[in-house]
PDB file of N, CA and C in Angstrom:
ATOM      1  N   MET A   1     -31.939  25.054 -15.481  1.00  0.00           N
ATOM      2  CA  MET A   1     -31.142  25.749 -14.495  1.00  0.00           C
ATOM      3  C   MET A   1     -29.877  24.926 -14.217  1.00  0.00           C
ATOM      4  N   PRO A   2     -28.698  25.483 -14.460  1.00  0.00           N
ATOM      5  CA  PRO A   2     -27.461  24.741 -14.238  1.00  0.00           C
ATOM      6  C   PRO A   2     -27.190  24.530 -12.746  1.00  0.00           C
ATOM      7  N   VAL A   3     -26.642  23.373 -12.462  1.00  0.00           N
ATOM      8  CA  VAL A   3     -26.274  23.048 -11.083  1.00  0.00           C
ATOM      9  C   VAL A   3     -24.765  23.207 -10.956  1.00  0.00           C
ATOM     10  N   GLU A   4     -24.341  23.941  -9.960  1.00  0.00           N
ATOM     11  CA  GLU A   4     -22.915  24.176  -9.758  1.00  0.00           C
ATOM     12  C   GLU A   4     -22.352  23.106  -8.824  1.00  0.00           C
ATOM     13  N   ILE A   5     -21.280  22.492  -9.248  1.00  0.00           N
ATOM     14  CA  ILE A   5     -20.654  21.446  -8.445  1.00  0.00           C
ATOM     15  C   ILE A   5     -19.268  21.929  -8.034  1.00  0.00           C
ATOM     16  N   ASN A   6     -18.963  21.767  -6.777  1.00  0.00           N
ATOM     17  CA  ASN A   6     -17.652  22.148  -6.276  1.00  0.00           C
ATOM     18  C   ASN A   6     -16.664  21.045  -6.643  1.00  0.00           C
ATOM     19  N   THR A   7     -15.909  21.260  -7.707  1.00  0.00           N
ATOM     20  CA  THR A   7     -14.993  20.222  -8.176  1.00  0.00           C
ATOM     21  C   THR A   7     -13.673  20.230  -7.429  1.00  0.00           C
ATOM     22  N   HIS A   8     -13.399  21.308  -6.706  1.00  0.00           N
ATOM     23  CA  HIS A   8     -12.126  21.366  -5.977  1.00  0.00           C
ATOM     24  C   HIS A   8     -12.031  20.231  -4.961  1.00  0.00           C
ATOM     25  N   ASN A   9     -13.064  20.023  -4.173  1.00  0.00           N
ATOM     26  CA  ASN A   9     -13.036  18.956  -3.175  1.00  0.00           C
ATOM     27  C   ASN A   9     -12.997  17.584  -3.835  1.00  0.00           C
ATOM     28  N   GLY A  10     -13.742  17.428  -4.915  1.00  0.00           N
ATOM     29  CA  GLY A  10     -13.745  16.151  -5.617  1.00  0.00           C
ATOM     30  C   GLY A  10     -12.374  15.810  -6.173  1.00  0.00           C
ATOM     31  N   ARG A  11     -11.713  16.787  -6.775  1.00  0.00           N
ATOM     32  CA  ARG A  11     -10.373  16.563  -7.308  1.00  0.00           C
ATOM     33  C   ARG A  11      -9.375  16.268  -6.197  1.00  0.00           C
ATOM     34  N   ALA A  12      -9.495  16.985  -5.107  1.00  0.00           N
ATOM     35  CA  ALA A  12      -8.567  16.773  -3.990  1.00  0.00           C
ATOM     36  C   ALA A  12      -8.710  15.354  -3.451  1.00  0.00           C
ATOM     37  N   ARG A  13      -9.960  14.889  -3.317  1.00  0.00           N
ATOM     38  CA  ARG A  13     -10.182  13.530  -2.829  1.00  0.00           C
ATOM     39  C   ARG A  13      -9.650  12.499  -3.814  1.00  0.00           C
ATOM     40  N   MET A  14      -9.907  12.718  -5.098  1.00  0.00           N
ATOM     41  CA  MET A  14      -9.459  11.775  -6.107  1.00  0.00           C
ATOM     42  C   MET A  14      -7.928  11.733  -6.150  1.00  0.00           C
ATOM     43  N   ASN A  15      -7.281  12.882  -6.073  1.00  0.00           N
ATOM     44  CA  ASN A  15      -5.821  12.917  -6.080  1.00  0.00           C
ATOM     45  C   ASN A  15      -5.247  12.239  -4.844  1.00  0.00           C
ATOM     46  N   ALA A  16      -5.872  12.443  -3.694  1.00  0.00           N
ATOM     47  CA  ALA A  16      -5.396  11.808  -2.462  1.00  0.00           C
ATOM     48  C   ALA A  16      -5.514  10.295  -2.572  1.00  0.00           C
ATOM     49  N   THR A  17      -6.627   9.816  -3.114  1.00  0.00           N
ATOM     50  CA  THR A  17      -6.816   8.374  -3.281  1.00  0.00           C
ATOM     51  C   THR A  17      -5.788   7.807  -4.253  1.00  0.00           C
ATOM     52  N   ARG A  18      -5.553   8.499  -5.337  1.00  0.00           N
ATOM     53  CA  ARG A  18      -4.581   8.044  -6.331  1.00  0.00           C
ATOM     54  C   ARG A  18      -3.172   8.026  -5.736  1.00  0.00           C
ATOM     55  N   ASP A  19      -2.828   9.042  -4.947  1.00  0.00           N
ATOM     56  CA  ASP A  19      -1.503   9.094  -4.330  1.00  0.00           C
ATOM     57  C   ASP A  19      -1.303   7.951  -3.348  1.00  0.00           C
ATOM     58  N   VAL A  20      -2.333   7.630  -2.574  1.00  0.00           N
ATOM     59  CA  VAL A  20      -2.235   6.515  -1.633  1.00  0.00           C
ATOM     60  C   VAL A  20      -2.046   5.214  -2.395  1.00  0.00           C
ATOM     61  N   ALA A  21      -2.785   5.040  -3.478  1.00  0.00           N
ATOM     62  CA  ALA A  21      -2.662   3.816  -4.273  1.00  0.00           C
ATOM     63  C   ALA A  21      -1.275   3.697  -4.897  1.00  0.00           C
ATOM     64  N   LYS A  22      -0.694   4.803  -5.316  1.00  0.00           N
ATOM     65  CA  LYS A  22       0.644   4.766  -5.901  1.00  0.00           C
ATOM     66  C   LYS A  22       1.711   4.484  -4.853  1.00  0.00           C
ATOM     67  N   ALA A  23       1.496   4.947  -3.638  1.00  0.00           N
ATOM     68  CA  ALA A  23       2.504   4.807  -2.590  1.00  0.00           C
ATOM     69  C   ALA A  23       2.599   3.380  -2.070  1.00  0.00           C
ATOM     70  N   GLY A  24       1.491   2.666  -2.021  1.00  0.00           N
ATOM     71  CA  GLY A  24       1.490   1.311  -1.470  1.00  0.00           C
ATOM     72  C   GLY A  24       1.628   0.264  -2.550  1.00  0.00           C
ATOM     73  N   ILE A  25       1.595  -1.002  -2.124  1.00  0.00           N
ATOM     74  CA  ILE A  25       1.635  -2.089  -3.098  1.00  0.00           C
ATOM     75  C   ILE A  25       0.216  -2.363  -3.578  1.00  0.00           C
ATOM     76  N   GLY A  26       0.097  -2.941  -4.734  1.00  0.00           N
ATOM     77  CA  GLY A  26      -1.217  -3.239  -5.288  1.00  0.00           C
ATOM     78  C   GLY A  26      -1.820  -4.495  -4.699  1.00  0.00           C
ATOM     79  N   MET A  27      -3.087  -4.682  -4.979  1.00  0.00           N
ATOM     80  CA  MET A  27      -3.813  -5.853  -4.482  1.00  0.00           C
ATOM     81  C   MET A  27      -3.208  -7.143  -5.035  1.00  0.00           C
ATOM     82  N   GLY A  28      -2.834  -7.141  -6.298  1.00  0.00           N
ATOM     83  CA  GLY A  28      -2.237  -8.333  -6.905  1.00  0.00           C
ATOM     84  C   GLY A  28      -0.920  -8.702  -6.249  1.00  0.00           C
ATOM     85  N   SER A  29      -0.109  -7.701  -5.952  1.00  0.00           N
ATOM     86  CA  SER A  29       1.170  -7.964  -5.293  1.00  0.00           C
ATOM     87  C   SER A  29       0.970  -8.491  -3.883  1.00  0.00           C
ATOM     88  N   ALA A  30       0.037  -7.897  -3.150  1.00  0.00           N
ATOM     89  CA  ALA A  30      -0.230  -8.355  -1.778  1.00  0.00           C
ATOM     90  C   ALA A  30      -0.731  -9.796  -1.775  1.00  0.00           C
ATOM     91  N   LEU A  31      -1.615 -10.114  -2.705  1.00  0.00           N
ATOM     92  CA  LEU A  31      -2.140 -11.471  -2.800  1.00  0.00           C
ATOM     93  C   LEU A  31      -1.041 -12.457  -3.203  1.00  0.00           C
ATOM     94  N   ALA A  32      -0.214 -12.057  -4.159  1.00  0.00           N
ATOM     95  CA  ALA A  32       0.882 -12.925  -4.601  1.00  0.00           C
ATOM     96  C   ALA A  32       1.870 -13.184  -3.467  1.00  0.00           C
ATOM     97  N   ILE A  33       2.190 -12.158  -2.695  1.00  0.00           N
ATOM     98  CA  ILE A  33       3.114 -12.320  -1.569  1.00  0.00           C
ATOM     99  C   ILE A  33       2.524 -13.265  -0.532  1.00  0.00           C
ATOM    100  N   THR A  34       1.241 -13.104  -0.249  1.00  0.00           N
ATOM    101  CA  THR A  34       0.577 -13.961   0.738  1.00  0.00           C
ATOM    102  C   THR A  34       0.559 -15.420   0.291  1.00  0.00           C
ATOM    103  N   ILE A  35       0.191 -15.655  -0.961  1.00  0.00           N
ATOM    104  CA  ILE A  35       0.158 -17.023  -1.493  1.00  0.00           C
ATOM    105  C   ILE A  35       1.560 -17.626  -1.470  1.00  0.00           C
ATOM    106  N   SER A  36       2.532 -16.856  -1.937  1.00  0.00           N
ATOM    107  CA  SER A  36       3.900 -17.350  -1.993  1.00  0.00           C
ATOM    108  C   SER A  36       4.427 -17.685  -0.607  1.00  0.00           C
ATOM    109  N   TRP A  37       4.170 -16.830   0.355  1.00  0.00           N
ATOM    110  CA  TRP A  37       4.663 -17.088   1.714  1.00  0.00           C
ATOM    111  C   TRP A  37       4.019 -18.338   2.301  1.00  0.00           C
ATOM    112  N   SER A  38       2.713 -18.515   2.043  1.00  0.00           N
ATOM    113  CA  SER A  38       2.030 -19.688   2.600  1.00  0.00           C
ATOM    114  C   SER A  38       2.535 -20.990   1.978  1.00  0.00           C
ATOM    115  N   LEU A  39       2.998 -20.936   0.736  1.00  0.00           N
ATOM    116  CA  LEU A  39       3.505 -22.144   0.079  1.00  0.00           C
ATOM    117  C   LEU A  39       4.979 -22.411   0.359  1.00  0.00           C
ATOM    118  N   HIS A  40       5.802 -21.376   0.264  1.00  0.00           N
ATOM    119  CA  HIS A  40       7.256 -21.562   0.288  1.00  0.00           C
ATOM    120  C   HIS A  40       7.932 -21.154   1.595  1.00  0.00           C
ATOM    121  N   GLN A  41       7.294 -20.330   2.404  1.00  0.00           N
ATOM    122  CA  GLN A  41       7.894 -19.833   3.650  1.00  0.00           C
ATOM    123  C   GLN A  41       9.262 -19.196   3.391  1.00  0.00           C
ATOM    124  N   SER A  42       9.382 -18.476   2.277  1.00  0.00           N
ATOM    125  CA  SER A  42      10.651 -17.848   1.900  1.00  0.00           C
ATOM    126  C   SER A  42      10.404 -16.395   1.518  1.00  0.00           C
ATOM    127  N   ILE A  43      11.142 -15.498   2.135  1.00  0.00           N
ATOM    128  CA  ILE A  43      10.981 -14.080   1.835  1.00  0.00           C
ATOM    129  C   ILE A  43      11.462 -13.763   0.416  1.00  0.00           C
ATOM    130  N   LEU A  44      12.485 -14.469  -0.056  1.00  0.00           N
ATOM    131  CA  LEU A  44      12.975 -14.222  -1.420  1.00  0.00           C
ATOM    132  C   LEU A  44      11.926 -14.591  -2.470  1.00  0.00           C
ATOM    133  N   TRP A  45      11.277 -15.756  -2.297  1.00  0.00           N
ATOM    134  CA  TRP A  45      10.210 -16.138  -3.227  1.00  0.00           C
ATOM    135  C   TRP A  45       9.042 -15.157  -3.122  1.00  0.00           C
ATOM    136  N   ALA A  46       8.723 -14.732  -1.915  1.00  0.00           N
ATOM    137  CA  ALA A  46       7.610 -13.798  -1.726  1.00  0.00           C
ATOM    138  C   ALA A  46       7.884 -12.470  -2.428  1.00  0.00           C
ATOM    139  N   ILE A  47       9.107 -11.982  -2.337  1.00  0.00           N
ATOM    140  CA  ILE A  47       9.471 -10.731  -3.023  1.00  0.00           C
ATOM    141  C   ILE A  47       9.386 -10.914  -4.532  1.00  0.00           C
ATOM    142  N   LEU A  48       9.933 -12.017  -5.027  1.00  0.00           N
ATOM    143  CA  LEU A  48       9.890 -12.283  -6.468  1.00  0.00           C
ATOM    144  C   LEU A  48       8.448 -12.376  -6.967  1.00  0.00           C
ATOM    145  N   HIS A  49       7.620 -13.138  -6.271  1.00  0.00           N
ATOM    146  CA  HIS A  49       6.227 -13.289  -6.691  1.00  0.00           C
ATOM    147  C   HIS A  49       5.449 -11.991  -6.515  1.00  0.00           C
ATOM    148  N   GLY A  50       5.787 -11.207  -5.500  1.00  0.00           N
ATOM    149  CA  GLY A  50       5.156  -9.896  -5.332  1.00  0.00           C
ATOM    150  C   GLY A  50       5.470  -8.969  -6.490  1.00  0.00           C
ATOM    151  N   PHE A  51       6.665  -9.098  -7.041  1.00  0.00           N
ATOM    152  CA  PHE A  51       7.054  -8.295  -8.202  1.00  0.00           C
ATOM    153  C   PHE A  51       6.184  -8.635  -9.414  1.00  0.00           C
ATOM    154  N   PHE A  52       5.871  -9.906  -9.581  1.00  0.00           N
ATOM    155  CA  PHE A  52       5.047 -10.326 -10.714  1.00  0.00           C
ATOM    156  C   PHE A  52       3.555 -10.105 -10.478  1.00  0.00           C
ATOM    157  N   GLY A  53       3.132 -10.001  -9.235  1.00  0.00           N
ATOM    158  CA  GLY A  53       1.759  -9.641  -8.891  1.00  0.00           C
ATOM    159  C   GLY A  53       0.707 -10.568  -9.458  1.00  0.00           C
ATOM    160  N   TRP A  54      -0.214  -9.990 -10.259  1.00  0.00           N
ATOM    161  CA  TRP A  54      -1.362 -10.733 -10.777  1.00  0.00           C
ATOM    162  C   TRP A  54      -0.944 -11.897 -11.661  1.00  0.00           C
ATOM    163  N   VAL A  55       0.199 -11.809 -12.316  1.00  0.00           N
ATOM    164  CA  VAL A  55       0.657 -12.912 -13.165  1.00  0.00           C
ATOM    165  C   VAL A  55       0.829 -14.171 -12.316  1.00  0.00           C
ATOM    166  N   TYR A  56       1.442 -14.029 -11.150  1.00  0.00           N
ATOM    167  CA  TYR A  56       1.628 -15.180 -10.264  1.00  0.00           C
ATOM    168  C   TYR A  56       0.299 -15.658  -9.695  1.00  0.00           C
ATOM    169  N   VAL A  57      -0.595 -14.748  -9.369  1.00  0.00           N
ATOM    170  CA  VAL A  57      -1.903 -15.130  -8.821  1.00  0.00           C
ATOM    171  C   VAL A  57      -2.673 -15.965  -9.843  1.00  0.00           C
ATOM    172  N   VAL A  58      -2.677 -15.541 -11.093  1.00  0.00           N
ATOM    173  CA  VAL A  58      -3.370 -16.292 -12.150  1.00  0.00           C
ATOM    174  C   VAL A  58      -2.687 -17.645 -12.359  1.00  0.00           C
ATOM    175  N   TYR A  59      -1.367 -17.664 -12.370  1.00  0.00           N
ATOM    176  CA  TYR A  59      -0.629 -18.931 -12.497  1.00  0.00           C
ATOM    177  C   TYR A  59      -0.998 -19.884 -11.361  1.00  0.00           C
ATOM    178  N   PHE A  60      -1.031 -19.377 -10.145  1.00  0.00           N
ATOM    179  CA  PHE A  60      -1.382 -20.200  -8.986  1.00  0.00           C
ATOM    180  C   PHE A  60      -2.794 -20.763  -9.141  1.00  0.00           C
ATOM    181  N   ALA A  61      -3.737 -19.932  -9.588  1.00  0.00           N
ATOM    182  CA  ALA A  61      -5.127 -20.375  -9.747  1.00  0.00           C
ATOM    183  C   ALA A  61      -5.253 -21.447 -10.836  1.00  0.00           C
ATOM    184  N   LEU A  62      -4.491 -21.306 -11.899  1.00  0.00           N
ATOM    185  CA  LEU A  62      -4.575 -22.267 -13.003  1.00  0.00           C
ATOM    186  C   LEU A  62      -3.890 -23.595 -12.684  1.00  0.00           C
ATOM    187  N   THR A  63      -2.900 -23.577 -11.821  1.00  0.00           N
ATOM    188  CA  THR A  63      -2.167 -24.806 -11.519  1.00  0.00           C
ATOM    189  C   THR A  63      -2.718 -25.545 -10.309  1.00  0.00           C
ATOM    190  N   ARG A  64      -3.708 -25.031  -9.665  1.00  0.00           N
ATOM    191  CA  ARG A  64      -4.297 -25.713  -8.500  1.00  0.00           C
ATOM    192  C   ARG A  64      -5.518 -26.467  -8.886  1.00  0.00           C
TER     193      ARG A  64
END
């Protein structure tokens, strides 16, 4: 016996989650900005490191 699943609600939720993720900054960027600010206290460095995101986070982890 086939089970009917309402995919409309599932798709709507998935699209809403994806849209929110696209609108904000990623986890790697947020972490990079936080690390950069705590080390340098400079908004310019924080923006630059936020742009690189996970690359800067991995660099920071490897150099510590």
